[in-house]
Amino acid sequence: MNTKMIVFMVLFCLPSCFLAEKKKIGQNTADKEKKYCVAILTPTTHPSLEKIEKGLKETLQQNSNKNITFKTYNANGSKTLMLSQAKDTSMGKFDLIFTIAAGPTIMAKEALLKTQTKTPIVFAAVSNPEEYGIKQSEINQITGITDQYNPELQAQALKLFKPNAKNMLIIYDPSQTPQLEKDSNTAKKEFEKNGMSVIKAEIFNIGDLARKVPSSIKNIDTILVLIDNTIVSGANILIKECNRNSITLLASDLDTGTRGAAIAVGVDEKMYGINAAQMAYKVLFKKIPANTIAYSPLCSQKIQVNTKTMKSQGLQIDKKTLLLLEKGQTQQGNLL
């Protein structure tokens, strides 16, 4: 079989989806010569975050005849650096701040409240923003695309492809955001409901993956990775460990699936940036107040099977099932 990876759409849609505008607008350019500068705050480096950033940049540039420049602040996993960068972007020298994930969004919001600067924020990939105090009633220059974790679909996928799965390890970094603790508990309950024994392991940095994982995987047949920037940035360590020990890696983002997780359930990360760019366009160029644009989730989730690593990770899918998946697939890609 020539196909290296199979991806198929799941008929699953979240409510109140934000539909990206297709019309190229902005031809009426009273302020055409104005130079706009957008700050991008990202917590670390990994493919999913890079796709979000790329989606924003490309969409704004393609759908505008304005002069736009971007400055990216990458915290490289350091909360101290992230705080400093958030303060820097809040000083009024940018026309818009684009934040990726909860950490940068929270810090940028707090920095703007302290400085009383009116720079608008558009965020992407933040779960339950109001639970973090990211409320449009508190800071009226903010809007964005929310993140939705779906353990039910993950449990269905695992049951379909590995019905004999019994023992799961959930790896996550609780210091990233309080939401990860909630997501780990939600996932634990969901998989236990499906008859699995589930334990959790807290990992606070990439170094912990190499140190703690080997001693935590005795009798484990499945490892679950959440939407967690710390763990995802060190996914190659997990992939090698799972390949070595015939453990199925179940990821919550498609990029980790492309890199080697046998099963991945998630969204097209670039769409976060694309849809956020549509919001940013309205705020920057149509002068629509950010707080009048409601927070909005992405619509569709995908299940992805990596046929290159699935056997090494103890996942056996018969040829008939693979053929059925191929017929129903909506996307194919080559593995890295």
Protein backbone atom coordinates (compact mmCIF):
# COMPACT_ATOMS: atom_id res chain seq x y z
CA MET A 1 0.00 0.00 0.00
CA ASN A 2 1.49 3.32 -1.11
CA THR A 3 -0.45 5.44 1.31
CA LYS A 4 1.61 6.37 4.36
CA MET A 5 -1.11 8.02 6.35
CA ILE A 6 -4.88 7.87 6.33
CA VAL A 7 -7.03 10.76 7.42
CA PHE A 8 -10.81 10.82 7.36
CA MET A 9 -13.37 13.36 8.44
CA VAL A 10 -15.68 12.64 11.31
CA LEU A 11 -19.26 13.85 11.06
CA PHE A 12 -18.87 15.93 14.17
CA CYS A 13 -19.48 19.65 14.40
CA LEU A 14 -19.37 22.04 17.30
CA PRO A 15 -22.12 24.69 17.60
CA SER A 16 -21.88 28.28 16.49
CA CYS A 17 -19.02 27.73 14.08
CA PHE A 18 -17.14 30.73 12.76
CA LEU A 19 -17.22 30.54 8.97
CA ALA A 20 -14.23 32.04 7.23
CA GLU A 21 -15.14 34.72 4.74
CA LYS A 22 -14.15 33.93 1.17
CA LYS A 23 -14.64 37.36 -0.28
CA LYS A 24 -11.48 39.36 -0.72
CA ILE A 25 -12.27 42.65 0.96
CA GLY A 26 -10.39 45.78 1.68
CA GLN A 27 -10.31 47.40 -1.73
CA ASN A 28 -11.63 50.67 -0.32
CA THR A 29 -8.39 51.94 1.19
CA ALA A 30 -8.66 55.29 2.90
CA ASP A 31 -5.79 54.20 5.10
CA LYS A 32 -4.01 52.14 2.44
CA GLU A 33 -0.64 53.72 3.12
CA LYS A 34 -0.77 53.13 6.89
CA LYS A 35 1.65 50.51 8.13
CA TYR A 36 0.12 47.95 10.44
CA CYS A 37 2.20 45.90 12.86
CA VAL A 38 0.91 42.69 14.42
CA ALA A 39 2.61 41.00 17.40
CA ILE A 40 2.38 37.22 17.63
CA LEU A 41 2.81 35.57 21.04
CA THR A 42 3.47 31.82 20.95
CA PRO A 43 4.44 29.65 23.95
CA THR A 44 6.97 27.34 22.28
CA THR A 45 7.95 25.72 19.00
CA HIS A 46 6.18 22.75 17.44
CA PRO A 47 4.39 22.13 14.09
CA SER A 48 0.83 22.75 15.34
CA LEU A 49 1.67 26.23 16.65
CA GLU A 50 3.65 27.04 13.52
CA LYS A 51 0.63 26.13 11.38
CA ILE A 52 -1.60 28.44 13.41
CA GLU A 53 0.85 31.30 12.93
CA LYS A 54 1.18 30.57 9.22
CA GLY A 55 -2.60 30.50 8.79
CA LEU A 56 -2.93 33.95 10.34
CA LYS A 57 -0.12 35.54 8.33
CA GLU A 58 -1.11 34.09 4.97
CA THR A 59 -4.79 34.91 5.34
CA LEU A 60 -4.25 38.51 6.43
CA GLN A 61 -1.74 39.13 3.66
CA GLN A 62 -3.83 37.47 0.95
CA ASN A 63 -7.07 39.21 1.90
CA SER A 64 -5.75 42.71 2.38
CA ASN A 65 -3.98 45.33 0.31
CA LYS A 66 -2.67 46.93 3.50
CA ASN A 67 0.97 47.14 4.54
CA ILE A 68 1.21 44.55 7.35
CA THR A 69 4.30 43.41 9.22
CA PHE A 70 4.51 40.73 11.88
CA LYS A 71 6.80 40.29 14.87
CA THR A 72 6.81 36.87 16.54
CA TYR A 73 7.62 36.46 20.22
CA ASN A 74 8.42 32.81 21.06
CA ALA A 75 8.70 32.03 24.78
CA ASN A 76 10.40 28.67 24.06
CA GLY A 77 8.59 27.07 26.99
CA SER A 78 9.67 29.73 29.52
CA LYS A 79 6.88 31.38 31.49
CA THR A 80 9.28 34.09 32.66
CA LEU A 81 10.14 34.97 29.08
CA MET A 82 6.47 34.80 28.10
CA LEU A 83 5.56 37.32 30.80
CA SER A 84 8.29 39.69 29.63
CA GLN A 85 7.12 39.37 26.03
CA ALA A 86 3.51 40.01 26.98
CA LYS A 87 4.55 43.20 28.77
CA ASP A 88 6.57 44.30 25.74
CA THR A 89 3.62 43.87 23.37
CA SER A 90 1.29 45.80 25.71
CA MET A 91 3.19 49.07 25.44
CA GLY A 92 1.13 50.37 22.52
CA LYS A 93 3.55 49.89 19.63
CA PHE A 94 1.42 47.23 17.91
CA ASP A 95 -1.93 47.55 16.14
CA LEU A 96 -3.01 44.05 17.18
CA ILE A 97 -1.72 41.22 19.37
CA PHE A 98 -2.32 37.65 18.20
CA THR A 99 -1.91 35.06 20.95
CA ILE A 100 -1.66 31.31 20.53
CA ALA A 101 -2.91 29.09 23.38
CA ALA A 102 -4.04 30.02 26.88
CA GLY A 103 -0.77 31.05 28.53
CA PRO A 104 0.15 33.92 26.18
CA THR A 105 -3.50 35.03 26.02
CA ILE A 106 -3.84 35.29 29.79
CA MET A 107 -0.55 37.15 30.16
CA ALA A 108 -1.30 39.55 27.30
CA LYS A 109 -4.72 40.31 28.78
CA GLU A 110 -3.26 41.01 32.20
CA ALA A 111 -0.51 43.21 30.73
CA LEU A 112 -3.03 45.29 28.78
CA LEU A 113 -5.22 45.75 31.85
CA LYS A 114 -2.21 47.01 33.83
CA THR A 115 -1.05 49.44 31.15
CA GLN A 116 -4.61 50.45 30.16
CA THR A 117 -3.52 50.10 26.54
CA LYS A 118 -6.32 49.63 24.02
CA THR A 119 -4.45 47.31 21.66
CA PRO A 120 -6.91 44.59 20.53
CA ILE A 121 -6.18 40.89 21.10
CA VAL A 122 -7.26 38.04 18.85
CA PHE A 123 -6.45 34.61 20.27
CA ALA A 124 -6.48 31.06 18.92
CA ALA A 125 -6.68 27.60 20.51
CA VAL A 126 -7.85 28.52 24.02
CA SER A 127 -10.18 26.13 25.81
CA ASN A 128 -12.96 27.70 27.90
CA PRO A 129 -11.45 31.22 27.91
CA GLU A 130 -13.97 32.63 30.38
CA GLU A 131 -12.84 30.09 32.99
CA TYR A 132 -9.40 31.72 32.78
CA GLY A 133 -10.90 35.15 33.32
CA ILE A 134 -10.61 36.00 29.63
CA LYS A 135 -13.97 37.76 29.55
CA GLN A 136 -15.08 40.26 26.96
CA SER A 137 -16.96 42.09 29.71
CA GLU A 138 -13.67 42.66 31.54
CA ILE A 139 -11.42 43.52 28.60
CA ASN A 140 -13.49 44.69 25.67
CA GLN A 141 -10.73 44.57 23.06
CA ILE A 142 -10.51 40.76 22.85
CA THR A 143 -11.97 37.96 20.74
CA GLY A 144 -10.77 34.67 19.31
CA ILE A 145 -11.11 31.05 18.25
CA THR A 146 -11.64 28.58 21.07
CA ASP A 147 -10.29 25.06 21.44
CA GLN A 148 -12.43 22.00 22.11
CA TYR A 149 -11.06 18.72 23.49
CA ASN A 150 -13.09 15.65 22.55
CA PRO A 151 -12.23 12.52 24.60
CA GLU A 152 -15.43 10.80 23.51
CA LEU A 153 -14.25 10.70 19.90
CA GLN A 154 -10.81 9.52 21.02
CA ALA A 155 -12.39 6.68 22.98
CA GLN A 156 -14.45 5.70 19.92
CA ALA A 157 -11.36 5.73 17.71
CA LEU A 158 -9.34 3.61 20.14
CA LYS A 159 -12.20 1.14 20.51
CA LEU A 160 -12.46 0.87 16.71
CA PHE A 161 -8.76 0.37 16.02
CA LYS A 162 -7.59 -1.29 19.25
CA PRO A 163 -10.57 -2.98 20.92
CA ASN A 164 -8.28 -4.97 23.23
CA ALA A 165 -6.71 -1.86 24.82
CA LYS A 166 -6.73 -2.24 28.61
CA ASN A 167 -4.18 -0.01 30.34
CA MET A 168 -3.69 3.68 29.56
CA LEU A 169 -1.17 6.26 30.72
CA ILE A 170 -2.16 9.93 30.36
CA ILE A 171 0.86 12.25 30.22
CA TYR A 172 0.37 15.98 30.74
CA ASP A 173 1.94 19.14 32.14
CA PRO A 174 -0.40 20.56 34.83
CA SER A 175 1.62 23.77 35.05
CA GLN A 176 0.62 24.78 31.51
CA THR A 177 -3.00 25.69 32.33
CA PRO A 178 -5.65 24.52 34.84
CA GLN A 179 -7.61 23.21 31.85
CA LEU A 180 -5.12 20.37 31.35
CA GLU A 181 -5.88 19.01 34.81
CA LYS A 182 -9.58 19.11 33.94
CA ASP A 183 -9.00 17.50 30.54
CA SER A 184 -6.90 14.72 32.07
CA ASN A 185 -9.68 13.96 34.56
CA THR A 186 -12.35 14.06 31.85
CA ALA A 187 -10.32 11.72 29.65
CA LYS A 188 -9.66 9.36 32.56
CA LYS A 189 -13.38 9.06 33.29
CA GLU A 190 -14.24 8.57 29.61
CA PHE A 191 -11.75 5.77 29.03
CA GLU A 192 -12.59 4.11 32.35
CA LYS A 193 -16.21 4.17 31.25
CA ASN A 194 -15.03 2.16 28.26
CA GLY A 195 -13.51 -0.49 30.52
CA MET A 196 -9.88 0.69 30.65
CA SER A 197 -7.57 1.08 33.61
CA VAL A 198 -6.12 4.62 33.51
CA ILE A 199 -3.24 6.24 35.38
CA LYS A 200 -1.81 9.74 35.01
CA ALA A 201 1.74 11.07 35.00
CA GLU A 202 2.70 14.71 35.45
CA ILE A 203 5.50 15.94 33.21
CA PHE A 204 6.79 19.49 33.71
CA ASN A 205 9.38 19.74 30.94
CA ILE A 206 10.74 17.81 27.99
CA GLY A 207 13.55 16.38 30.10
CA ASP A 208 10.93 14.68 32.29
CA LEU A 209 9.72 12.70 29.29
CA ALA A 210 13.04 10.91 28.92
CA ARG A 211 13.42 10.43 32.67
CA LYS A 212 9.92 9.45 33.78
CA VAL A 213 8.24 7.70 30.86
CA PRO A 214 10.39 4.52 30.75
CA SER A 215 9.62 3.80 34.42
CA SER A 216 5.89 4.56 34.00
CA ILE A 217 4.98 2.26 31.12
CA LYS A 218 5.07 -1.17 32.75
CA ASN A 219 1.89 -3.03 31.70
CA ILE A 220 0.77 0.03 29.66
CA ASP A 221 -0.57 -0.58 26.14
CA THR A 222 -1.74 2.97 25.29
CA ILE A 223 -0.39 6.45 26.02
CA LEU A 224 -2.66 9.47 25.64
CA VAL A 225 -1.28 12.93 24.93
CA LEU A 226 -3.59 15.90 25.50
CA ILE A 227 -3.56 19.32 23.80
CA ASP A 228 -0.42 20.15 25.73
CA ASN A 229 2.39 22.31 24.35
CA THR A 230 5.03 20.87 26.68
CA ILE A 231 4.36 17.25 25.77
CA VAL A 232 3.75 17.86 22.07
CA SER A 233 7.03 19.72 21.71
CA GLY A 234 8.78 16.56 22.97
CA ALA A 235 6.58 14.09 21.09
CA ASN A 236 9.52 12.49 19.26
CA ILE A 237 10.72 11.08 22.59
CA LEU A 238 7.33 9.48 23.18
CA ILE A 239 7.08 8.17 19.63
CA LYS A 240 10.45 6.37 19.92
CA GLU A 241 9.48 4.93 23.31
CA CYS A 242 6.13 3.70 22.00
CA ASN A 243 7.72 2.16 18.90
CA ARG A 244 10.31 0.40 21.10
CA ASN A 245 7.72 -1.01 23.52
CA SER A 246 4.78 -1.70 21.19
CA ILE A 247 2.62 0.91 22.90
CA THR A 248 -0.07 2.78 20.96
CA LEU A 249 0.36 6.56 21.10
CA LEU A 250 -2.98 8.37 20.94
CA ALA A 251 -2.57 12.11 20.24
CA SER A 252 -4.96 15.04 20.50
CA ASP A 253 -3.45 16.91 17.56
CA LEU A 254 -2.94 15.79 13.96
CA ASP A 255 0.66 16.97 13.71
CA THR A 256 1.77 14.50 16.38
CA GLY A 257 0.00 11.87 14.31
CA THR A 258 1.96 12.91 11.25
CA ARG A 259 5.17 12.72 13.26
CA GLY A 260 4.44 9.19 14.40
CA ALA A 261 1.51 8.73 16.81
CA ALA A 262 -0.44 5.70 15.60
CA ILE A 263 -3.79 7.43 16.19
CA ALA A 264 -4.52 11.14 16.33
CA VAL A 265 -7.82 12.94 16.84
CA GLY A 266 -7.89 16.68 16.29
CA VAL A 267 -8.49 19.62 14.01
CA ASP A 268 -6.57 21.16 11.14
CA GLU A 269 -4.43 23.55 13.20
CA LYS A 270 -3.96 25.99 10.33
CA MET A 271 -7.68 26.73 10.45
CA TYR A 272 -7.22 28.36 13.86
CA GLY A 273 -4.99 30.94 12.20
CA ILE A 274 -7.21 31.31 9.15
CA ASN A 275 -10.37 31.93 11.16
CA ALA A 276 -8.55 34.17 13.63
CA ALA A 277 -7.28 36.21 10.67
CA GLN A 278 -10.86 36.84 9.58
CA MET A 279 -11.57 38.22 13.05
CA ALA A 280 -8.37 40.27 12.99
CA TYR A 281 -9.34 41.73 9.63
CA LYS A 282 -12.64 42.97 11.01
CA VAL A 283 -10.95 44.48 14.05
CA LEU A 284 -8.02 46.10 12.22
CA PHE A 285 -9.54 47.31 8.99
CA LYS A 286 -13.31 47.42 9.46
CA LYS A 287 -12.88 48.93 12.93
CA ILE A 288 -15.35 46.52 14.51
CA PRO A 289 -14.89 46.38 18.31
CA ALA A 290 -13.39 43.01 19.24
CA ASN A 291 -15.84 42.41 22.09
CA THR A 292 -18.75 42.50 19.61
CA ILE A 293 -17.28 39.47 17.80
CA ALA A 294 -18.23 36.40 19.83
CA TYR A 295 -15.72 33.71 20.72
CA SER A 296 -16.07 30.83 18.28
CA PRO A 297 -14.85 27.20 18.05
CA LEU A 298 -13.61 25.31 15.02
CA CYS A 299 -16.14 22.97 13.52
CA SER A 300 -14.73 19.63 12.44
CA GLN A 301 -12.51 16.99 13.98
CA LYS A 302 -10.51 14.36 12.13
CA ILE A 303 -9.27 10.93 13.05
CA GLN A 304 -5.87 10.10 11.60
CA VAL A 305 -4.15 6.72 11.40
CA ASN A 306 -0.41 6.53 10.82
CA THR A 307 0.11 3.32 8.86
CA LYS A 308 3.89 3.66 9.02
CA THR A 309 4.15 3.37 12.81
CA MET A 310 0.94 1.58 13.78
CA LYS A 311 2.47 -1.92 13.74
CA SER A 312 5.44 -0.83 15.82
CA GLN A 313 2.96 0.62 18.32
CA GLY A 314 0.93 -2.58 18.63
CA LEU A 315 -1.92 -1.48 16.39
CA GLN A 316 -3.22 -4.09 13.97
CA ILE A 317 -5.70 -2.89 11.33
CA ASP A 318 -6.75 -5.42 8.73
CA LYS A 319 -6.44 -4.62 5.03
CA LYS A 320 -10.21 -4.52 4.56
CA THR A 321 -10.57 -1.77 7.18
CA LEU A 322 -7.69 0.19 5.69
CA LEU A 323 -9.29 0.01 2.25
CA LEU A 324 -12.58 1.26 3.66
CA LEU A 325 -10.76 4.15 5.33
CA GLU A 326 -9.00 4.99 2.09
CA LYS A 327 -12.31 5.16 0.23
CA GLY A 328 -13.75 7.49 2.85
CA GLN A 329 -10.70 9.64 3.33
CA THR A 330 -10.63 13.37 2.68
CA GLN A 331 -6.91 13.95 2.92
CA GLN A 332 -3.65 12.12 2.46
CA GLY A 333 -0.18 13.21 3.43
CA ASN A 334 3.38 11.98 3.48
CA LEU A 335 4.93 11.29 6.84
CA LEU A 336 7.91 13.31 8.02
